[in-house]
PDB file of N, CA and C in Angstrom:
ATOM      1  N   UNK A   1       0.844  -1.192   0.000  1.00  0.00           N
ATOM      2  CA  UNK A   1       0.000   0.000   0.000  1.00  0.00           C
ATOM      3  C   UNK A   1       0.883   1.247   0.000  1.00  0.00           C
ATOM      4  N   UNK A   2       0.539   2.178  -0.873  1.00  0.00           N
ATOM      5  CA  UNK A   2       1.323   3.416  -0.957  1.00  0.00           C
ATOM      6  C   UNK A   2       0.837   4.407   0.080  1.00  0.00           C
ATOM      7  N   UNK A   3       1.745   5.233   0.546  1.00  0.00           N
ATOM      8  CA  UNK A   3       1.415   6.220   1.574  1.00  0.00           C
ATOM      9  C   UNK A   3       0.666   7.423   1.009  1.00  0.00           C
ATOM     10  N   UNK A   4       0.734   7.648  -0.313  1.00  0.00           N
ATOM     11  CA  UNK A   4       0.083   8.823  -0.893  1.00  0.00           C
ATOM     12  C   UNK A   4      -1.356   8.531  -1.331  1.00  0.00           C
ATOM     13  N   UNK A   5      -1.879   7.332  -1.030  1.00  0.00           N
ATOM     14  CA  UNK A   5      -3.239   6.967  -1.426  1.00  0.00           C
ATOM     15  C   UNK A   5      -4.196   7.080  -0.249  1.00  0.00           C
ATOM     16  N   UNK A   6      -5.453   7.442  -0.560  1.00  0.00           N
ATOM     17  CA  UNK A   6      -6.515   7.544   0.426  1.00  0.00           C
ATOM     18  C   UNK A   6      -7.698   6.718  -0.054  1.00  0.00           C
ATOM     19  N   UNK A   7      -8.558   6.253   0.852  1.00  0.00           N
ATOM     20  CA  UNK A   7      -9.752   5.514   0.464  1.00  0.00           C
ATOM     21  C   UNK A   7     -10.746   6.445  -0.221  1.00  0.00           C
ATOM     22  N   UNK A   8     -11.424   5.949  -1.256  1.00  0.00           N
ATOM     23  CA  UNK A   8     -12.394   6.743  -1.998  1.00  0.00           C
ATOM     24  C   UNK A   8     -13.654   6.943  -1.154  1.00  0.00           C
ATOM     25  N   UNK A   9     -14.123   8.198  -0.981  1.00  0.00           N
ATOM     26  CA  UNK A   9     -15.321   8.445  -0.188  1.00  0.00           C
ATOM     27  C   UNK A   9     -16.611   8.051  -0.908  1.00  0.00           C
ATOM     28  N   UNK A  10     -16.579   7.869  -2.226  1.00  0.00           N
ATOM     29  CA  UNK A  10     -17.787   7.526  -2.977  1.00  0.00           C
ATOM     30  C   UNK A  10     -18.007   6.010  -3.037  1.00  0.00           C
ATOM     31  N   UNK A  11     -17.053   5.278  -3.595  1.00  0.00           N
ATOM     32  CA  UNK A  11     -17.254   3.834  -3.764  1.00  0.00           C
ATOM     33  C   UNK A  11     -16.719   3.027  -2.582  1.00  0.00           C
ATOM     34  N   UNK A  12     -15.830   3.586  -1.801  1.00  0.00           N
ATOM     35  CA  UNK A  12     -15.218   2.948  -0.635  1.00  0.00           C
ATOM     36  C   UNK A  12     -14.450   1.677  -0.975  1.00  0.00           C
ATOM     37  N   UNK A  13     -14.158   1.481  -2.253  1.00  0.00           N
ATOM     38  CA  UNK A  13     -13.386   0.326  -2.689  1.00  0.00           C
ATOM     39  C   UNK A  13     -12.027   0.781  -3.222  1.00  0.00           C
ATOM     40  N   UNK A  14     -12.061   1.812  -4.055  1.00  0.00           N
ATOM     41  CA  UNK A  14     -10.858   2.295  -4.710  1.00  0.00           C
ATOM     42  C   UNK A  14      -9.996   3.167  -3.817  1.00  0.00           C
ATOM     43  N   UNK A  15      -8.865   3.548  -4.363  1.00  0.00           N
ATOM     44  CA  UNK A  15      -7.922   4.424  -3.679  1.00  0.00           C
ATOM     45  C   UNK A  15      -7.779   5.715  -4.466  1.00  0.00           C
ATOM     46  N   UNK A  16      -7.666   6.825  -3.758  1.00  0.00           N
ATOM     47  CA  UNK A  16      -7.456   8.123  -4.400  1.00  0.00           C
ATOM     48  C   UNK A  16      -5.966   8.335  -4.586  1.00  0.00           C
ATOM     49  N   UNK A  17      -5.591   8.645  -5.808  1.00  0.00           N
ATOM     50  CA  UNK A  17      -4.203   8.949  -6.132  1.00  0.00           C
ATOM     51  C   UNK A  17      -4.124  10.372  -6.657  1.00  0.00           C
ATOM     52  N   UNK A  18      -3.024  11.032  -6.368  1.00  0.00           N
ATOM     53  CA  UNK A  18      -2.841  12.405  -6.821  1.00  0.00           C
ATOM     54  C   UNK A  18      -2.505  12.421  -8.304  1.00  0.00           C
ATOM     55  N   UNK A  19      -3.344  13.099  -9.096  1.00  0.00           N
ATOM     56  CA  UNK A  19      -3.184  13.225 -10.553  1.00  0.00           C
ATOM     57  C   UNK A  19      -3.233  14.703 -10.915  1.00  0.00           C
ATOM     58  N   UNK A  20      -3.200  15.001 -12.207  1.00  0.00           N
ATOM     59  CA  UNK A  20      -3.379  16.361 -12.726  1.00  0.00           C
ATOM     60  C   UNK A  20      -4.656  16.389 -13.545  1.00  0.00           C
ATOM     61  N   UNK A  21      -5.456  17.439 -13.374  1.00  0.00           N
ATOM     62  CA  UNK A  21      -6.734  17.544 -14.085  1.00  0.00           C
ATOM     63  C   UNK A  21      -7.059  19.007 -14.326  1.00  0.00           C
ATOM     64  N   UNK A  22      -8.105  19.250 -15.113  1.00  0.00           N
ATOM     65  CA  UNK A  22      -8.617  20.600 -15.335  1.00  0.00           C
ATOM     66  C   UNK A  22      -9.633  20.918 -14.251  1.00  0.00           C
ATOM     67  N   UNK A  23      -9.416  21.994 -13.526  1.00  0.00           N
ATOM     68  CA  UNK A  23     -10.396  22.468 -12.540  1.00  0.00           C
ATOM     69  C   UNK A  23     -11.282  23.484 -13.258  1.00  0.00           C
ATOM     70  N   UNK A  24     -12.573  23.189 -13.346  1.00  0.00           N
ATOM     71  CA  UNK A  24     -13.512  24.043 -14.078  1.00  0.00           C
ATOM     72  C   UNK A  24     -14.645  24.427 -13.149  1.00  0.00           C
ATOM     73  N   UNK A  25     -14.887  25.740 -13.013  1.00  0.00           N
ATOM     74  CA  UNK A  25     -15.998  26.221 -12.203  1.00  0.00           C
ATOM     75  C   UNK A  25     -16.350  27.633 -12.635  1.00  0.00           C
ATOM     76  N   UNK A  26     -17.491  28.121 -12.174  1.00  0.00           N
ATOM     77  CA  UNK A  26     -17.941  29.467 -12.518  1.00  0.00           C
ATOM     78  C   UNK A  26     -17.524  30.454 -11.443  1.00  0.00           C
ATOM     79  N   UNK A  27     -17.070  31.615 -11.881  1.00  0.00           N
ATOM     80  CA  UNK A  27     -16.804  32.756 -11.013  1.00  0.00           C
ATOM     81  C   UNK A  27     -17.783  33.832 -11.454  1.00  0.00           C
ATOM     82  N   UNK A  28     -18.888  33.931 -10.725  1.00  0.00           N
ATOM     83  CA  UNK A  28     -19.963  34.815 -11.186  1.00  0.00           C
ATOM     84  C   UNK A  28     -20.538  34.233 -12.455  1.00  0.00           C
ATOM     85  N   UNK A  29     -20.463  34.978 -13.552  1.00  0.00           N
ATOM     86  CA  UNK A  29     -20.951  34.503 -14.843  1.00  0.00           C
ATOM     87  C   UNK A  29     -19.809  34.088 -15.766  1.00  0.00           C
ATOM     88  N   UNK A  30     -18.590  34.055 -15.254  1.00  0.00           N
ATOM     89  CA  UNK A  30     -17.421  33.721 -16.055  1.00  0.00           C
ATOM     90  C   UNK A  30     -16.947  32.309 -15.737  1.00  0.00           C
ATOM     91  N   UNK A  31     -16.723  31.508 -16.773  1.00  0.00           N
ATOM     92  CA  UNK A  31     -16.222  30.158 -16.607  1.00  0.00           C
ATOM     93  C   UNK A  31     -14.713  30.208 -16.414  1.00  0.00           C
ATOM     94  N   UNK A  32     -14.236  29.600 -15.337  1.00  0.00           N
ATOM     95  CA  UNK A  32     -12.810  29.551 -15.033  1.00  0.00           C
ATOM     96  C   UNK A  32     -12.317  28.136 -15.285  1.00  0.00           C
ATOM     97  N   UNK A  33     -11.225  27.997 -16.022  1.00  0.00           N
ATOM     98  CA  UNK A  33     -10.595  26.705 -16.260  1.00  0.00           C
ATOM     99  C   UNK A  33      -9.128  26.825 -15.885  1.00  0.00           C
ATOM    100  N   UNK A  34      -8.720  26.022 -14.897  1.00  0.00           N
ATOM    101  CA  UNK A  34      -7.322  26.011 -14.460  1.00  0.00           C
ATOM    102  C   UNK A  34      -6.733  24.662 -14.856  1.00  0.00           C
ATOM    103  N   UNK A  35      -5.985  24.610 -15.953  1.00  0.00           N
ATOM    104  CA  UNK A  35      -5.437  23.332 -16.413  1.00  0.00           C
ATOM    105  C   UNK A  35      -4.298  22.844 -15.517  1.00  0.00           C
ATOM    106  N   UNK A  36      -4.091  21.538 -15.541  1.00  0.00           N
ATOM    107  CA  UNK A  36      -2.963  20.913 -14.859  1.00  0.00           C
ATOM    108  C   UNK A  36      -2.986  21.160 -13.346  1.00  0.00           C
ATOM    109  N   UNK A  37      -4.177  21.086 -12.754  1.00  0.00           N
ATOM    110  CA  UNK A  37      -4.365  21.323 -11.328  1.00  0.00           C
ATOM    111  C   UNK A  37      -4.297  19.994 -10.573  1.00  0.00           C
ATOM    112  N   UNK A  38      -3.627  19.943  -9.421  1.00  0.00           N
ATOM    113  CA  UNK A  38      -3.589  18.701  -8.645  1.00  0.00           C
ATOM    114  C   UNK A  38      -4.993  18.283  -8.208  1.00  0.00           C
ATOM    115  N   UNK A  39      -5.317  17.002  -8.418  1.00  0.00           N
ATOM    116  CA  UNK A  39      -6.628  16.469  -8.046  1.00  0.00           C
ATOM    117  C   UNK A  39      -6.460  15.019  -7.590  1.00  0.00           C
ATOM    118  N   UNK A  40      -7.315  14.607  -6.661  1.00  0.00           N
ATOM    119  CA  UNK A  40      -7.325  13.229  -6.173  1.00  0.00           C
ATOM    120  C   UNK A  40      -8.340  12.451  -6.994  1.00  0.00           C
ATOM    121  N   UNK A  41      -7.922  11.325  -7.610  1.00  0.00           N
ATOM    122  CA  UNK A  41      -8.810  10.551  -8.472  1.00  0.00           C
ATOM    123  C   UNK A  41      -8.818   9.085  -8.033  1.00  0.00           C
ATOM    124  N   UNK A  42     -10.041   8.517  -7.979  1.00  0.00           N
ATOM    125  CA  UNK A  42     -10.220   7.114  -7.591  1.00  0.00           C
ATOM    126  C   UNK A  42      -9.814   6.209  -8.749  1.00  0.00           C
ATOM    127  N   UNK A  43      -9.103   5.137  -8.450  1.00  0.00           N
ATOM    128  CA  UNK A  43      -8.670   4.205  -9.489  1.00  0.00           C
ATOM    129  C   UNK A  43      -9.768   3.214  -9.896  1.00  0.00           C
ATOM    130  N   UNK A  44     -10.911   3.208  -9.193  1.00  0.00           N
ATOM    131  CA  UNK A  44     -12.007   2.301  -9.524  1.00  0.00           C
ATOM    132  C   UNK A  44     -13.170   3.050 -10.181  1.00  0.00           C
ATOM    133  N   UNK A  45     -13.774   4.011  -9.463  1.00  0.00           N
ATOM    134  CA  UNK A  45     -14.968   4.698  -9.980  1.00  0.00           C
ATOM    135  C   UNK A  45     -14.650   6.018 -10.683  1.00  0.00           C
ATOM    136  N   UNK A  46     -13.411   6.437 -10.701  1.00  0.00           N
ATOM    137  CA  UNK A  46     -12.933   7.675 -11.345  1.00  0.00           C
ATOM    138  C   UNK A  46     -13.476   8.951 -10.691  1.00  0.00           C
ATOM    139  N   UNK A  47     -13.989   8.835  -9.468  1.00  0.00           N
ATOM    140  CA  UNK A  47     -14.390  10.030  -8.710  1.00  0.00           C
ATOM    141  C   UNK A  47     -13.174  10.936  -8.603  1.00  0.00           C
ATOM    142  N   UNK A  48     -13.398  12.238  -8.738  1.00  0.00           N
ATOM    143  CA  UNK A  48     -12.279  13.189  -8.703  1.00  0.00           C
ATOM    144  C   UNK A  48     -12.630  14.365  -7.812  1.00  0.00           C
ATOM    145  N   UNK A  49     -11.664  14.771  -7.037  1.00  0.00           N
ATOM    146  CA  UNK A  49     -11.842  15.951  -6.196  1.00  0.00           C
ATOM    147  C   UNK A  49     -10.550  16.760  -6.247  1.00  0.00           C
ATOM    148  N   UNK A  50     -10.702  18.049  -6.549  1.00  0.00           N
ATOM    149  CA  UNK A  50      -9.551  18.940  -6.702  1.00  0.00           C
ATOM    150  C   UNK A  50      -8.947  19.206  -5.328  1.00  0.00           C
ATOM    151  N   UNK A  51      -7.637  19.255  -5.274  1.00  0.00           N
ATOM    152  CA  UNK A  51      -6.911  19.500  -4.034  1.00  0.00           C
ATOM    153  C   UNK A  51      -7.328  20.840  -3.431  1.00  0.00           C
ATOM    154  N   UNK A  52      -7.618  20.860  -2.143  1.00  0.00           N
ATOM    155  CA  UNK A  52      -8.116  22.072  -1.473  1.00  0.00           C
ATOM    156  C   UNK A  52      -7.113  23.217  -1.512  1.00  0.00           C
ATOM    157  N   UNK A  53      -5.858  22.922  -1.342  1.00  0.00           N
ATOM    158  CA  UNK A  53      -4.836  23.973  -1.380  1.00  0.00           C
ATOM    159  C   UNK A  53      -4.767  24.606  -2.776  1.00  0.00           C
ATOM    160  N   UNK A  54      -4.918  23.775  -3.820  1.00  0.00           N
ATOM    161  CA  UNK A  54      -4.919  24.301  -5.189  1.00  0.00           C
ATOM    162  C   UNK A  54      -6.120  25.214  -5.412  1.00  0.00           C
ATOM    163  N   UNK A  55      -7.294  24.818  -4.902  1.00  0.00           N
ATOM    164  CA  UNK A  55      -8.482  25.670  -5.034  1.00  0.00           C
ATOM    165  C   UNK A  55      -8.308  26.987  -4.288  1.00  0.00           C
ATOM    166  N   UNK A  56      -7.675  26.949  -3.139  1.00  0.00           N
ATOM    167  CA  UNK A  56      -7.432  28.174  -2.377  1.00  0.00           C
ATOM    168  C   UNK A  56      -6.540  29.125  -3.170  1.00  0.00           C
ATOM    169  N   UNK A  57      -5.512  28.570  -3.788  1.00  0.00           N
ATOM    170  CA  UNK A  57      -4.596  29.407  -4.584  1.00  0.00           C
ATOM    171  C   UNK A  57      -5.283  29.984  -5.819  1.00  0.00           C
ATOM    172  N   UNK A  58      -6.122  29.188  -6.467  1.00  0.00           N
ATOM    173  CA  UNK A  58      -6.877  29.689  -7.622  1.00  0.00           C
ATOM    174  C   UNK A  58      -7.802  30.815  -7.179  1.00  0.00           C
ATOM    175  N   UNK A  59      -8.444  30.650  -6.025  1.00  0.00           N
ATOM    176  CA  UNK A  59      -9.317  31.689  -5.485  1.00  0.00           C
ATOM    177  C   UNK A  59      -8.583  32.985  -5.224  1.00  0.00           C
ATOM    178  N   UNK A  60      -7.341  32.894  -4.766  1.00  0.00           N
ATOM    179  CA  UNK A  60      -6.544  34.099  -4.544  1.00  0.00           C
ATOM    180  C   UNK A  60      -6.234  34.796  -5.866  1.00  0.00           C
ATOM    181  N   UNK A  61      -5.976  34.006  -6.892  1.00  0.00           N
ATOM    182  CA  UNK A  61      -5.686  34.598  -8.205  1.00  0.00           C
ATOM    183  C   UNK A  61      -6.906  35.280  -8.800  1.00  0.00           C
ATOM    184  N   UNK A  62      -8.062  34.682  -8.604  1.00  0.00           N
ATOM    185  CA  UNK A  62      -9.291  35.218  -9.184  1.00  0.00           C
ATOM    186  C   UNK A  62      -9.815  36.390  -8.369  1.00  0.00           C
ATOM    187  N   UNK A  63      -9.539  36.421  -7.078  1.00  0.00           N
ATOM    188  CA  UNK A  63     -10.018  37.467  -6.160  1.00  0.00           C
ATOM    189  C   UNK A  63     -11.529  37.605  -6.267  1.00  0.00           C
ATOM    190  N   UNK A  64     -12.224  36.845  -5.475  1.00  0.00           N
ATOM    191  CA  UNK A  64     -13.687  36.735  -5.554  1.00  0.00           C
ATOM    192  C   UNK A  64     -14.425  38.071  -5.441  1.00  0.00           C
ATOM    193  N   UNK A  65     -13.843  39.099  -4.824  1.00  0.00           N
ATOM    194  CA  UNK A  65     -14.558  40.362  -4.682  1.00  0.00           C
ATOM    195  C   UNK A  65     -14.334  41.315  -5.852  1.00  0.00           C
ATOM    196  N   UNK A  66     -13.498  40.931  -6.808  1.00  0.00           N
ATOM    197  CA  UNK A  66     -13.202  41.764  -7.975  1.00  0.00           C
ATOM    198  C   UNK A  66     -13.722  41.034  -9.217  1.00  0.00           C
ATOM    199  N   UNK A  67     -14.418  41.715 -10.121  1.00  0.00           N
ATOM    200  CA  UNK A  67     -14.879  41.036 -11.327  1.00  0.00           C
ATOM    201  C   UNK A  67     -13.702  40.544 -12.165  1.00  0.00           C
ATOM    202  N   UNK A  68     -13.859  39.429 -12.877  1.00  0.00           N
ATOM    203  CA  UNK A  68     -12.775  38.914 -13.714  1.00  0.00           C
ATOM    204  C   UNK A  68     -12.364  39.930 -14.763  1.00  0.00           C
ATOM    205  N   UNK A  69     -11.097  39.889 -15.143  1.00  0.00           N
ATOM    206  CA  UNK A  69     -10.562  40.876 -16.076  1.00  0.00           C
ATOM    207  C   UNK A  69     -11.191  40.784 -17.454  1.00  0.00           C
ATOM    208  N   UNK A  70     -11.752  39.647 -17.821  1.00  0.00           N
ATOM    209  CA  UNK A  70     -12.312  39.492 -19.159  1.00  0.00           C
ATOM    210  C   UNK A  70     -13.828  39.656 -19.197  1.00  0.00           C
ATOM    211  N   UNK A  71     -14.405  40.166 -18.135  1.00  0.00           N
ATOM    212  CA  UNK A  71     -15.856  40.336 -18.108  1.00  0.00           C
ATOM    213  C   UNK A  71     -16.246  41.502 -19.015  1.00  0.00           C
ATOM    214  N   UNK A  72     -17.196  41.270 -19.917  1.00  0.00           N
ATOM    215  CA  UNK A  72     -17.628  42.269 -20.885  1.00  0.00           C
ATOM    216  C   UNK A  72     -18.570  43.259 -20.227  1.00  0.00           C
ATOM    217  N   UNK A  73     -18.304  44.536 -20.419  1.00  0.00           N
ATOM    218  CA  UNK A  73     -19.181  45.598 -19.943  1.00  0.00           C
ATOM    219  C   UNK A  73     -19.486  46.518 -21.115  1.00  0.00           C
ATOM    220  N   UNK A  74     -20.709  46.471 -21.631  1.00  0.00           N
ATOM    221  CA  UNK A  74     -21.040  47.320 -22.781  1.00  0.00           C
ATOM    222  C   UNK A  74     -21.039  48.790 -22.395  1.00  0.00           C
ATOM    223  N   UNK A  75     -20.676  49.631 -23.355  1.00  0.00           N
ATOM    224  CA  UNK A  75     -20.685  51.087 -23.139  1.00  0.00           C
ATOM    225  C   UNK A  75     -22.132  51.552 -23.043  1.00  0.00           C
ATOM    226  N   UNK A  76     -22.359  52.588 -22.256  1.00  0.00           N
ATOM    227  CA  UNK A  76     -23.707  53.123 -22.126  1.00  0.00           C
ATOM    228  C   UNK A  76     -24.091  53.885 -23.399  1.00  0.00           C
ATOM    229  N   UNK A  77     -25.325  53.692 -23.797  1.00  0.00           N
ATOM    230  CA  UNK A  77     -25.830  54.397 -24.985  1.00  0.00           C
ATOM    231  C   UNK A  77     -26.101  55.848 -24.610  1.00  0.00           C
ATOM    232  N   UNK A  78     -25.728  56.755 -25.489  1.00  0.00           N
ATOM    233  CA  UNK A  78     -25.969  58.169 -25.239  1.00  0.00           C
ATOM    234  C   UNK A  78     -27.382  58.514 -25.680  1.00  0.00           C
ATOM    235  N   UNK A  79     -28.099  59.197 -24.830  1.00  0.00           N
ATOM    236  CA  UNK A  79     -29.492  59.577 -25.139  1.00  0.00           C
ATOM    237  C   UNK A  79     -29.539  60.886 -25.913  1.00  0.00           C
ATOM    238  N   UNK A  80     -30.561  61.001 -26.705  1.00  0.00           N
ATOM    239  CA  UNK A  80     -30.791  62.258 -27.412  1.00  0.00           C
ATOM    240  C   UNK A  80     -30.113  62.338 -28.774  1.00  0.00           C
ATOM    241  N   UNK A  81     -29.313  61.353 -29.121  1.00  0.00           N
ATOM    242  CA  UNK A  81     -28.652  61.370 -30.418  1.00  0.00           C
ATOM    243  C   UNK A  81     -29.487  60.538 -31.392  1.00  0.00           C
ATOM    244  N   UNK A  82     -29.644  61.038 -32.582  1.00  0.00           N
ATOM    245  CA  UNK A  82     -30.368  60.292 -33.610  1.00  0.00           C
ATOM    246  C   UNK A  82     -29.408  60.016 -34.756  1.00  0.00           C
ATOM    247  N   UNK A  83     -29.595  58.866 -35.381  1.00  0.00           N
ATOM    248  CA  UNK A  83     -28.683  58.477 -36.451  1.00  0.00           C
ATOM    249  C   UNK A  83     -29.129  58.729 -37.786  1.00  0.00           C
TER     250      UNK A  83
END
């Protein structure tokens, strides 16, 4: 038995091993994809859970109280102008 493996919380048969995966979630209305993120994956049922420390670091990068840099904000239309 390897020391880096944990029992799977879903199937309770497999072992969780540390792998690399894409962490995908929404930040407000913006889809965030963090490739090559450490994640624990079951060798039997393929259940996957992203490492908590990695999620914390991604959260710091995204800064939950600030809108994402790529969020589209349309310019306000000027009133009274006719084309």
